[in-house]
Amino acid sequence: MFGQLSELIQVLTPYFALMERVNRLICKYISEEWISKSKSKNAFALDHNIDEKTVRRIISDKKYAMQIETLNKICEAQNIKLSEFFKKVEDKYL
């Protein structure tokens, strides 16, 4: 049993590292392209129907994993489809 668990951990560790990097790039894009151009963090939060605390986490919390619901709200407010958003992130950082 423990051998299988350690094998599973070895298999999943690179996946989690990749997901952490993807989450950080998502937040970096939103922060650089949209939040920084907003009047304030509060204005961005109000305009995108999210909490200001979430905006602060997007900007500064290196471990923040954005929920798809939050990302969808932001993309809807920006009049962009999720697929277009991911393409923009890919084009800019990968």
PDB file of N, CA and C in Angstrom:
ATOM      1  N   MET A   1       0.818  -1.189   0.000  1.00  0.00           N
ATOM      2  CA  MET A   1       0.000   0.000   0.000  1.00  0.00           C
ATOM      3  C   MET A   1       0.865   1.258   0.000  1.00  0.00           C
ATOM      4  N   PHE A   2       1.859   1.337   0.894  1.00  0.00           N
ATOM      5  CA  PHE A   2       2.685   2.530   0.970  1.00  0.00           C
ATOM      6  C   PHE A   2       3.531   2.697  -0.280  1.00  0.00           C
ATOM      7  N   GLY A   3       3.928   1.595  -0.909  1.00  0.00           N
ATOM      8  CA  GLY A   3       4.683   1.673  -2.154  1.00  0.00           C
ATOM      9  C   GLY A   3       3.850   2.314  -3.254  1.00  0.00           C
ATOM     10  N   GLN A   4       2.575   1.937  -3.317  1.00  0.00           N
ATOM     11  CA  GLN A   4       1.688   2.524  -4.324  1.00  0.00           C
ATOM     12  C   GLN A   4       1.463   4.013  -4.059  1.00  0.00           C
ATOM     13  N   LEU A   5       1.348   4.373  -2.799  1.00  0.00           N
ATOM     14  CA  LEU A   5       1.143   5.769  -2.440  1.00  0.00           C
ATOM     15  C   LEU A   5       2.351   6.603  -2.834  1.00  0.00           C
ATOM     16  N   SER A   6       3.544   6.116  -2.549  1.00  0.00           N
ATOM     17  CA  SER A   6       4.740   6.885  -2.906  1.00  0.00           C
ATOM     18  C   SER A   6       4.881   6.983  -4.422  1.00  0.00           C
ATOM     19  N   GLU A   7       4.491   5.933  -5.146  1.00  0.00           N
ATOM     20  CA  GLU A   7       4.532   5.991  -6.611  1.00  0.00           C
ATOM     21  C   GLU A   7       3.538   7.034  -7.126  1.00  0.00           C
ATOM     22  N   LEU A   8       2.363   7.086  -6.533  1.00  0.00           N
ATOM     23  CA  LEU A   8       1.354   8.060  -6.921  1.00  0.00           C
ATOM     24  C   LEU A   8       1.848   9.484  -6.661  1.00  0.00           C
ATOM     25  N   ILE A   9       2.474   9.680  -5.528  1.00  0.00           N
ATOM     26  CA  ILE A   9       3.019  10.999  -5.195  1.00  0.00           C
ATOM     27  C   ILE A   9       4.088  11.395  -6.211  1.00  0.00           C
ATOM     28  N   GLN A  10       4.935  10.456  -6.597  1.00  0.00           N
ATOM     29  CA  GLN A  10       5.986  10.743  -7.582  1.00  0.00           C
ATOM     30  C   GLN A  10       5.377  11.115  -8.936  1.00  0.00           C
ATOM     31  N   VAL A  11       4.287  10.476  -9.296  1.00  0.00           N
ATOM     32  CA  VAL A  11       3.625  10.760 -10.568  1.00  0.00           C
ATOM     33  C   VAL A  11       2.937  12.122 -10.529  1.00  0.00           C
ATOM     34  N   LEU A  12       2.299  12.444  -9.418  1.00  0.00           N
ATOM     35  CA  LEU A  12       1.505  13.673  -9.333  1.00  0.00           C
ATOM     36  C   LEU A  12       2.314  14.938  -9.040  1.00  0.00           C
ATOM     37  N   THR A  13       3.473  14.805  -8.445  1.00  0.00           N
ATOM     38  CA  THR A  13       4.260  15.978  -8.057  1.00  0.00           C
ATOM     39  C   THR A  13       4.557  16.902  -9.235  1.00  0.00           C
ATOM     40  N   PRO A  14       5.005  16.405 -10.379  1.00  0.00           N
ATOM     41  CA  PRO A  14       5.234  17.322 -11.503  1.00  0.00           C
ATOM     42  C   PRO A  14       3.945  17.991 -11.989  1.00  0.00           C
ATOM     43  N   TYR A  15       2.846  17.268 -11.926  1.00  0.00           N
ATOM     44  CA  TYR A  15       1.550  17.825 -12.326  1.00  0.00           C
ATOM     45  C   TYR A  15       1.181  19.009 -11.439  1.00  0.00           C
ATOM     46  N   PHE A  16       1.323  18.844 -10.128  1.00  0.00           N
ATOM     47  CA  PHE A  16       0.991  19.927  -9.201  1.00  0.00           C
ATOM     48  C   PHE A  16       1.930  21.126  -9.391  1.00  0.00           C
ATOM     49  N   ALA A  17       3.175  20.865  -9.673  1.00  0.00           N
ATOM     50  CA  ALA A  17       4.120  21.953  -9.928  1.00  0.00           C
ATOM     51  C   ALA A  17       3.713  22.718 -11.193  1.00  0.00           C
ATOM     52  N   LEU A  18       3.295  21.989 -12.217  1.00  0.00           N
ATOM     53  CA  LEU A  18       2.833  22.621 -13.446  1.00  0.00           C
ATOM     54  C   LEU A  18       1.578  23.443 -13.192  1.00  0.00           C
ATOM     55  N   MET A  19       0.638  22.905 -12.439  1.00  0.00           N
ATOM     56  CA  MET A  19      -0.597  23.625 -12.146  1.00  0.00           C
ATOM     57  C   MET A  19      -0.314  24.890 -11.341  1.00  0.00           C
ATOM     58  N   GLU A  20       0.626  24.822 -10.438  1.00  0.00           N
ATOM     59  CA  GLU A  20       1.012  26.009  -9.667  1.00  0.00           C
ATOM     60  C   GLU A  20       1.575  27.083 -10.602  1.00  0.00           C
ATOM     61  N   ARG A  21       2.377  26.675 -11.546  1.00  0.00           N
ATOM     62  CA  ARG A  21       2.943  27.626 -12.521  1.00  0.00           C
ATOM     63  C   ARG A  21       1.842  28.213 -13.401  1.00  0.00           C
ATOM     64  N   VAL A  22       0.922  27.391 -13.856  1.00  0.00           N
ATOM     65  CA  VAL A  22      -0.184  27.880 -14.685  1.00  0.00           C
ATOM     66  C   VAL A  22      -1.032  28.875 -13.895  1.00  0.00           C
ATOM     67  N   ASN A  23      -1.355  28.548 -12.653  1.00  0.00           N
ATOM     68  CA  ASN A  23      -2.121  29.467 -11.804  1.00  0.00           C
ATOM     69  C   ASN A  23      -1.401  30.803 -11.668  1.00  0.00           C
ATOM     70  N   ARG A  24      -0.087  30.755 -11.468  1.00  0.00           N
ATOM     71  CA  ARG A  24       0.676  31.998 -11.309  1.00  0.00           C
ATOM     72  C   ARG A  24       0.656  32.828 -12.594  1.00  0.00           C
ATOM     73  N   LEU A  25       0.746  32.164 -13.753  1.00  0.00           N
ATOM     74  CA  LEU A  25       0.707  32.891 -15.029  1.00  0.00           C
ATOM     75  C   LEU A  25      -0.665  33.514 -15.280  1.00  0.00           C
ATOM     76  N   ILE A  26      -1.721  32.823 -14.889  1.00  0.00           N
ATOM     77  CA  ILE A  26      -3.074  33.369 -15.002  1.00  0.00           C
ATOM     78  C   ILE A  26      -3.174  34.644 -14.176  1.00  0.00           C
ATOM     79  N   CYS A  27      -2.727  34.574 -12.943  1.00  0.00           N
ATOM     80  CA  CYS A  27      -2.788  35.739 -12.059  1.00  0.00           C
ATOM     81  C   CYS A  27      -1.888  36.861 -12.565  1.00  0.00           C
ATOM     82  N   LYS A  28      -0.716  36.507 -13.056  1.00  0.00           N
ATOM     83  CA  LYS A  28       0.220  37.512 -13.559  1.00  0.00           C
ATOM     84  C   LYS A  28      -0.392  38.260 -14.736  1.00  0.00           C
ATOM     85  N   TYR A  29      -1.010  37.532 -15.644  1.00  0.00           N
ATOM     86  CA  TYR A  29      -1.636  38.168 -16.802  1.00  0.00           C
ATOM     87  C   TYR A  29      -2.737  39.132 -16.361  1.00  0.00           C
ATOM     88  N   ILE A  30      -3.616  38.671 -15.499  1.00  0.00           N
ATOM     89  CA  ILE A  30      -4.721  39.513 -15.029  1.00  0.00           C
ATOM     90  C   ILE A  30      -4.178  40.739 -14.318  1.00  0.00           C
ATOM     91  N   SER A  31      -3.172  40.537 -13.498  1.00  0.00           N
ATOM     92  CA  SER A  31      -2.585  41.648 -12.761  1.00  0.00           C
ATOM     93  C   SER A  31      -1.938  42.670 -13.691  1.00  0.00           C
ATOM     94  N   GLU A  32      -1.126  42.192 -14.617  1.00  0.00           N
ATOM     95  CA  GLU A  32      -0.381  43.090 -15.514  1.00  0.00           C
ATOM     96  C   GLU A  32      -1.264  43.747 -16.570  1.00  0.00           C
ATOM     97  N   GLU A  33      -2.173  42.980 -17.141  1.00  0.00           N
ATOM     98  CA  GLU A  33      -2.949  43.476 -18.272  1.00  0.00           C
ATOM     99  C   GLU A  33      -4.232  44.203 -17.872  1.00  0.00           C
ATOM    100  N   TRP A  34      -4.806  43.847 -16.750  1.00  0.00           N
ATOM    101  CA  TRP A  34      -6.107  44.405 -16.413  1.00  0.00           C
ATOM    102  C   TRP A  34      -6.124  45.171 -15.086  1.00  0.00           C
ATOM    103  N   ILE A  35      -5.660  44.559 -14.024  1.00  0.00           N
ATOM    104  CA  ILE A  35      -5.730  45.225 -12.718  1.00  0.00           C
ATOM    105  C   ILE A  35      -4.869  46.484 -12.721  1.00  0.00           C
ATOM    106  N   SER A  36      -3.679  46.396 -13.268  1.00  0.00           N
ATOM    107  CA  SER A  36      -2.770  47.551 -13.262  1.00  0.00           C
ATOM    108  C   SER A  36      -3.337  48.738 -14.042  1.00  0.00           C
ATOM    109  N   LYS A  37      -4.250  48.488 -14.959  1.00  0.00           N
ATOM    110  CA  LYS A  37      -4.836  49.548 -15.774  1.00  0.00           C
ATOM    111  C   LYS A  37      -6.148  50.074 -15.188  1.00  0.00           C
ATOM    112  N   SER A  38      -6.575  49.469 -14.110  1.00  0.00           N
ATOM    113  CA  SER A  38      -7.796  49.907 -13.439  1.00  0.00           C
ATOM    114  C   SER A  38      -7.479  51.086 -12.512  1.00  0.00           C
ATOM    115  N   LYS A  39      -8.492  51.870 -12.180  1.00  0.00           N
ATOM    116  CA  LYS A  39      -8.273  53.022 -11.290  1.00  0.00           C
ATOM    117  C   LYS A  39      -7.745  52.587  -9.932  1.00  0.00           C
ATOM    118  N   SER A  40      -8.246  51.461  -9.437  1.00  0.00           N
ATOM    119  CA  SER A  40      -7.834  50.949  -8.125  1.00  0.00           C
ATOM    120  C   SER A  40      -8.209  49.482  -8.030  1.00  0.00           C
ATOM    121  N   LYS A  41      -7.691  48.839  -7.004  1.00  0.00           N
ATOM    122  CA  LYS A  41      -8.059  47.443  -6.753  1.00  0.00           C
ATOM    123  C   LYS A  41      -9.554  47.336  -6.484  1.00  0.00           C
ATOM    124  N   ASN A  42     -10.071  48.289  -5.713  1.00  0.00           N
ATOM    125  CA  ASN A  42     -11.491  48.280  -5.393  1.00  0.00           C
ATOM    126  C   ASN A  42     -12.342  48.467  -6.651  1.00  0.00           C
ATOM    127  N   ALA A  43     -11.923  49.373  -7.520  1.00  0.00           N
ATOM    128  CA  ALA A  43     -12.662  49.603  -8.765  1.00  0.00           C
ATOM    129  C   ALA A  43     -12.672  48.333  -9.623  1.00  0.00           C
ATOM    130  N   PHE A  44     -11.521  47.670  -9.711  1.00  0.00           N
ATOM    131  CA  PHE A  44     -11.456  46.422 -10.477  1.00  0.00           C
ATOM    132  C   PHE A  44     -12.401  45.390  -9.874  1.00  0.00           C
ATOM    133  N   ALA A  45     -12.377  45.260  -8.566  1.00  0.00           N
ATOM    134  CA  ALA A  45     -13.243  44.295  -7.889  1.00  0.00           C
ATOM    135  C   ALA A  45     -14.713  44.580  -8.187  1.00  0.00           C
ATOM    136  N   LEU A  46     -15.113  45.814  -8.048  1.00  0.00           N
ATOM    137  CA  LEU A  46     -16.507  46.187  -8.308  1.00  0.00           C
ATOM    138  C   LEU A  46     -16.891  45.959  -9.765  1.00  0.00           C
ATOM    139  N   ASP A  47     -16.018  46.338 -10.675  1.00  0.00           N
ATOM    140  CA  ASP A  47     -16.296  46.191 -12.105  1.00  0.00           C
ATOM    141  C   ASP A  47     -16.376  44.732 -12.552  1.00  0.00           C
ATOM    142  N   HIS A  48     -15.742  43.849 -11.777  1.00  0.00           N
ATOM    143  CA  HIS A  48     -15.662  42.438 -12.172  1.00  0.00           C
ATOM    144  C   HIS A  48     -16.440  41.509 -11.241  1.00  0.00           C
ATOM    145  N   ASN A  49     -17.191  42.114 -10.310  1.00  0.00           N
ATOM    146  CA  ASN A  49     -18.059  41.356  -9.410  1.00  0.00           C
ATOM    147  C   ASN A  49     -17.288  40.325  -8.571  1.00  0.00           C
ATOM    148  N   ILE A  50     -16.114  40.752  -8.073  1.00  0.00           N
ATOM    149  CA  ILE A  50     -15.330  39.901  -7.180  1.00  0.00           C
ATOM    150  C   ILE A  50     -14.935  40.725  -5.958  1.00  0.00           C
ATOM    151  N   ASP A  51     -14.496  40.053  -4.906  1.00  0.00           N
ATOM    152  CA  ASP A  51     -14.069  40.736  -3.693  1.00  0.00           C
ATOM    153  C   ASP A  51     -12.720  41.427  -3.911  1.00  0.00           C
ATOM    154  N   GLU A  52     -12.519  42.533  -3.224  1.00  0.00           N
ATOM    155  CA  GLU A  52     -11.225  43.218  -3.297  1.00  0.00           C
ATOM    156  C   GLU A  52     -10.114  42.326  -2.741  1.00  0.00           C
ATOM    157  N   LYS A  53     -10.440  41.518  -1.749  1.00  0.00           N
ATOM    158  CA  LYS A  53      -9.452  40.581  -1.198  1.00  0.00           C
ATOM    159  C   LYS A  53      -8.944  39.636  -2.299  1.00  0.00           C
ATOM    160  N   THR A  54      -9.842  39.227  -3.170  1.00  0.00           N
ATOM    161  CA  THR A  54      -9.451  38.365  -4.281  1.00  0.00           C
ATOM    162  C   THR A  54      -8.491  39.090  -5.207  1.00  0.00           C
ATOM    163  N   VAL A  55      -8.744  40.359  -5.453  1.00  0.00           N
ATOM    164  CA  VAL A  55      -7.849  41.153  -6.296  1.00  0.00           C
ATOM    165  C   VAL A  55      -6.465  41.223  -5.667  1.00  0.00           C
ATOM    166  N   ARG A  56      -6.417  41.459  -4.379  1.00  0.00           N
ATOM    167  CA  ARG A  56      -5.118  41.512  -3.696  1.00  0.00           C
ATOM    168  C   ARG A  56      -4.404  40.168  -3.787  1.00  0.00           C
ATOM    169  N   ARG A  57      -5.152  39.083  -3.665  1.00  0.00           N
ATOM    170  CA  ARG A  57      -4.528  37.759  -3.759  1.00  0.00           C
ATOM    171  C   ARG A  57      -4.005  37.494  -5.167  1.00  0.00           C
ATOM    172  N   ILE A  58      -4.748  37.918  -6.172  1.00  0.00           N
ATOM    173  CA  ILE A  58      -4.298  37.745  -7.556  1.00  0.00           C
ATOM    174  C   ILE A  58      -2.947  38.437  -7.747  1.00  0.00           C
ATOM    175  N   ILE A  59      -2.810  39.607  -7.167  1.00  0.00           N
ATOM    176  CA  ILE A  59      -1.595  40.406  -7.335  1.00  0.00           C
ATOM    177  C   ILE A  59      -0.421  39.840  -6.541  1.00  0.00           C
ATOM    178  N   SER A  60      -0.654  39.427  -5.298  1.00  0.00           N
ATOM    179  CA  SER A  60       0.498  39.176  -4.430  1.00  0.00           C
ATOM    180  C   SER A  60       0.627  37.777  -3.828  1.00  0.00           C
ATOM    181  N   ASP A  61      -0.411  36.972  -3.854  1.00  0.00           N
ATOM    182  CA  ASP A  61      -0.340  35.648  -3.237  1.00  0.00           C
ATOM    183  C   ASP A  61       0.195  34.633  -4.246  1.00  0.00           C
ATOM    184  N   LYS A  62       1.445  34.278  -4.106  1.00  0.00           N
ATOM    185  CA  LYS A  62       2.101  33.374  -5.059  1.00  0.00           C
ATOM    186  C   LYS A  62       1.492  31.972  -5.088  1.00  0.00           C
ATOM    187  N   LYS A  63       0.752  31.619  -4.066  1.00  0.00           N
ATOM    188  CA  LYS A  63       0.139  30.290  -3.987  1.00  0.00           C
ATOM    189  C   LYS A  63      -1.358  30.319  -4.321  1.00  0.00           C
ATOM    190  N   TYR A  64      -1.873  31.485  -4.696  1.00  0.00           N
ATOM    191  CA  TYR A  64      -3.305  31.610  -4.959  1.00  0.00           C
ATOM    192  C   TYR A  64      -3.695  30.788  -6.176  1.00  0.00           C
ATOM    193  N   ALA A  65      -4.690  29.933  -6.006  1.00  0.00           N
ATOM    194  CA  ALA A  65      -5.236  29.128  -7.096  1.00  0.00           C
ATOM    195  C   ALA A  65      -6.647  29.634  -7.376  1.00  0.00           C
ATOM    196  N   MET A  66      -6.777  30.381  -8.432  1.00  0.00           N
ATOM    197  CA  MET A  66      -8.045  31.006  -8.758  1.00  0.00           C
ATOM    198  C   MET A  66      -9.097  29.965  -9.119  1.00  0.00           C
ATOM    199  N   GLN A  67     -10.281  30.146  -8.580  1.00  0.00           N
ATOM    200  CA  GLN A  67     -11.399  29.279  -8.933  1.00  0.00           C
ATOM    201  C   GLN A  67     -11.864  29.639 -10.337  1.00  0.00           C
ATOM    202  N   ILE A  68     -12.352  28.651 -11.058  1.00  0.00           N
ATOM    203  CA  ILE A  68     -12.811  28.888 -12.424  1.00  0.00           C
ATOM    204  C   ILE A  68     -13.974  29.879 -12.434  1.00  0.00           C
ATOM    205  N   GLU A  69     -14.788  29.881 -11.405  1.00  0.00           N
ATOM    206  CA  GLU A  69     -15.903  30.828 -11.305  1.00  0.00           C
ATOM    207  C   GLU A  69     -15.384  32.270 -11.268  1.00  0.00           C
ATOM    208  N   THR A  70     -14.326  32.508 -10.514  1.00  0.00           N
ATOM    209  CA  THR A  70     -13.725  33.836 -10.432  1.00  0.00           C
ATOM    210  C   THR A  70     -13.136  34.237 -11.782  1.00  0.00           C
ATOM    211  N   LEU A  71     -12.410  33.330 -12.389  1.00  0.00           N
ATOM    212  CA  LEU A  71     -11.824  33.611 -13.700  1.00  0.00           C
ATOM    213  C   LEU A  71     -12.920  33.902 -14.717  1.00  0.00           C
ATOM    214  N   ASN A  72     -14.002  33.160 -14.654  1.00  0.00           N
ATOM    215  CA  ASN A  72     -15.108  33.376 -15.581  1.00  0.00           C
ATOM    216  C   ASN A  72     -15.733  34.754 -15.386  1.00  0.00           C
ATOM    217  N   LYS A  73     -15.914  35.184 -14.136  1.00  0.00           N
ATOM    218  CA  LYS A  73     -16.456  36.519 -13.859  1.00  0.00           C
ATOM    219  C   LYS A  73     -15.555  37.602 -14.454  1.00  0.00           C
ATOM    220  N   ILE A  74     -14.267  37.435 -14.268  1.00  0.00           N
ATOM    221  CA  ILE A  74     -13.315  38.415 -14.781  1.00  0.00           C
ATOM    222  C   ILE A  74     -13.371  38.447 -16.309  1.00  0.00           C
ATOM    223  N   CYS A  75     -13.377  37.284 -16.923  1.00  0.00           N
ATOM    224  CA  CYS A  75     -13.413  37.224 -18.385  1.00  0.00           C
ATOM    225  C   CYS A  75     -14.725  37.785 -18.933  1.00  0.00           C
ATOM    226  N   GLU A  76     -15.827  37.491 -18.282  1.00  0.00           N
ATOM    227  CA  GLU A  76     -17.113  38.045 -18.726  1.00  0.00           C
ATOM    228  C   GLU A  76     -17.082  39.569 -18.676  1.00  0.00           C
ATOM    229  N   ALA A  77     -16.554  40.128 -17.608  1.00  0.00           N
ATOM    230  CA  ALA A  77     -16.478  41.584 -17.477  1.00  0.00           C
ATOM    231  C   ALA A  77     -15.550  42.183 -18.528  1.00  0.00           C
ATOM    232  N   GLN A  78     -14.569  41.412 -18.974  1.00  0.00           N
ATOM    233  CA  GLN A  78     -13.636  41.866 -20.004  1.00  0.00           C
ATOM    234  C   GLN A  78     -14.151  41.546 -21.414  1.00  0.00           C
ATOM    235  N   ASN A  79     -15.347  40.936 -21.481  1.00  0.00           N
ATOM    236  CA  ASN A  79     -15.944  40.538 -22.767  1.00  0.00           C
ATOM    237  C   ASN A  79     -15.033  39.632 -23.575  1.00  0.00           C
ATOM    238  N   ILE A  80     -14.514  38.621 -22.886  1.00  0.00           N
ATOM    239  CA  ILE A  80     -13.604  37.667 -23.525  1.00  0.00           C
ATOM    240  C   ILE A  80     -14.000  36.254 -23.088  1.00  0.00           C
ATOM    241  N   LYS A  81     -13.939  35.330 -24.010  1.00  0.00           N
ATOM    242  CA  LYS A  81     -14.224  33.932 -23.695  1.00  0.00           C
ATOM    243  C   LYS A  81     -13.028  33.341 -22.952  1.00  0.00           C
ATOM    244  N   LEU A  82     -13.295  32.333 -22.133  1.00  0.00           N
ATOM    245  CA  LEU A  82     -12.202  31.672 -21.415  1.00  0.00           C
ATOM    246  C   LEU A  82     -11.155  31.136 -22.388  1.00  0.00           C
ATOM    247  N   SER A  83     -11.598  30.561 -23.474  1.00  0.00           N
ATOM    248  CA  SER A  83     -10.638  30.019 -24.451  1.00  0.00           C
ATOM    249  C   SER A  83      -9.737  31.122 -25.009  1.00  0.00           C
ATOM    250  N   GLU A  84     -10.300  32.300 -25.255  1.00  0.00           N
ATOM    251  CA  GLU A  84      -9.500  33.429 -25.731  1.00  0.00           C
ATOM    252  C   GLU A  84      -8.515  33.880 -24.656  1.00  0.00           C
ATOM    253  N   PHE A  85      -8.984  33.887 -23.413  1.00  0.00           N
ATOM    254  CA  PHE A  85      -8.107  34.280 -22.311  1.00  0.00           C
ATOM    255  C   PHE A  85      -6.895  33.358 -22.239  1.00  0.00           C
ATOM    256  N   PHE A  86      -7.128  32.044 -22.263  1.00  0.00           N
ATOM    257  CA  PHE A  86      -6.016  31.103 -22.171  1.00  0.00           C
ATOM    258  C   PHE A  86      -5.067  31.245 -23.353  1.00  0.00           C
ATOM    259  N   LYS A  87      -5.592  31.568 -24.506  1.00  0.00           N
ATOM    260  CA  LYS A  87      -4.739  31.791 -25.679  1.00  0.00           C
ATOM    261  C   LYS A  87      -3.864  33.019 -25.464  1.00  0.00           C
ATOM    262  N   LYS A  88      -4.429  34.087 -24.884  1.00  0.00           N
ATOM    263  CA  LYS A  88      -3.652  35.297 -24.601  1.00  0.00           C
ATOM    264  C   LYS A  88      -2.527  35.014 -23.597  1.00  0.00           C
ATOM    265  N   VAL A  89      -2.841  34.243 -22.568  1.00  0.00           N
ATOM    266  CA  VAL A  89      -1.822  33.873 -21.576  1.00  0.00           C
ATOM    267  C   VAL A  89      -0.722  33.045 -22.231  1.00  0.00           C
ATOM    268  N   GLU A  90      -1.141  32.091 -23.034  1.00  0.00           N
ATOM    269  CA  GLU A  90      -0.162  31.243 -23.744  1.00  0.00           C
ATOM    270  C   GLU A  90       0.721  32.088 -24.668  1.00  0.00           C
ATOM    271  N   ASP A  91       0.113  32.983 -25.417  1.00  0.00           N
ATOM    272  CA  ASP A  91       0.889  33.817 -26.343  1.00  0.00           C
ATOM    273  C   ASP A  91       1.878  34.717 -25.620  1.00  0.00           C
ATOM    274  N   LYS A  92       1.481  35.212 -24.460  1.00  0.00           N
ATOM    275  CA  LYS A  92       2.354  36.136 -23.747  1.00  0.00           C
ATOM    276  C   LYS A  92       3.488  35.444 -22.984  1.00  0.00           C
ATOM    277  N   TYR A  93       3.226  34.282 -22.414  1.00  0.00           N
ATOM    278  CA  TYR A  93       4.204  33.685 -21.499  1.00  0.00           C
ATOM    279  C   TYR A  93       4.812  32.369 -21.959  1.00  0.00           C
ATOM    280  N   LEU A  94       4.220  31.703 -22.908  1.00  0.00           N
ATOM    281  CA  LEU A  94       4.752  30.371 -23.255  1.00  0.00           C
ATOM    282  C   LEU A  94       5.322  30.323 -24.652  1.00  0.00           C
TER     283      LEU A  94
END
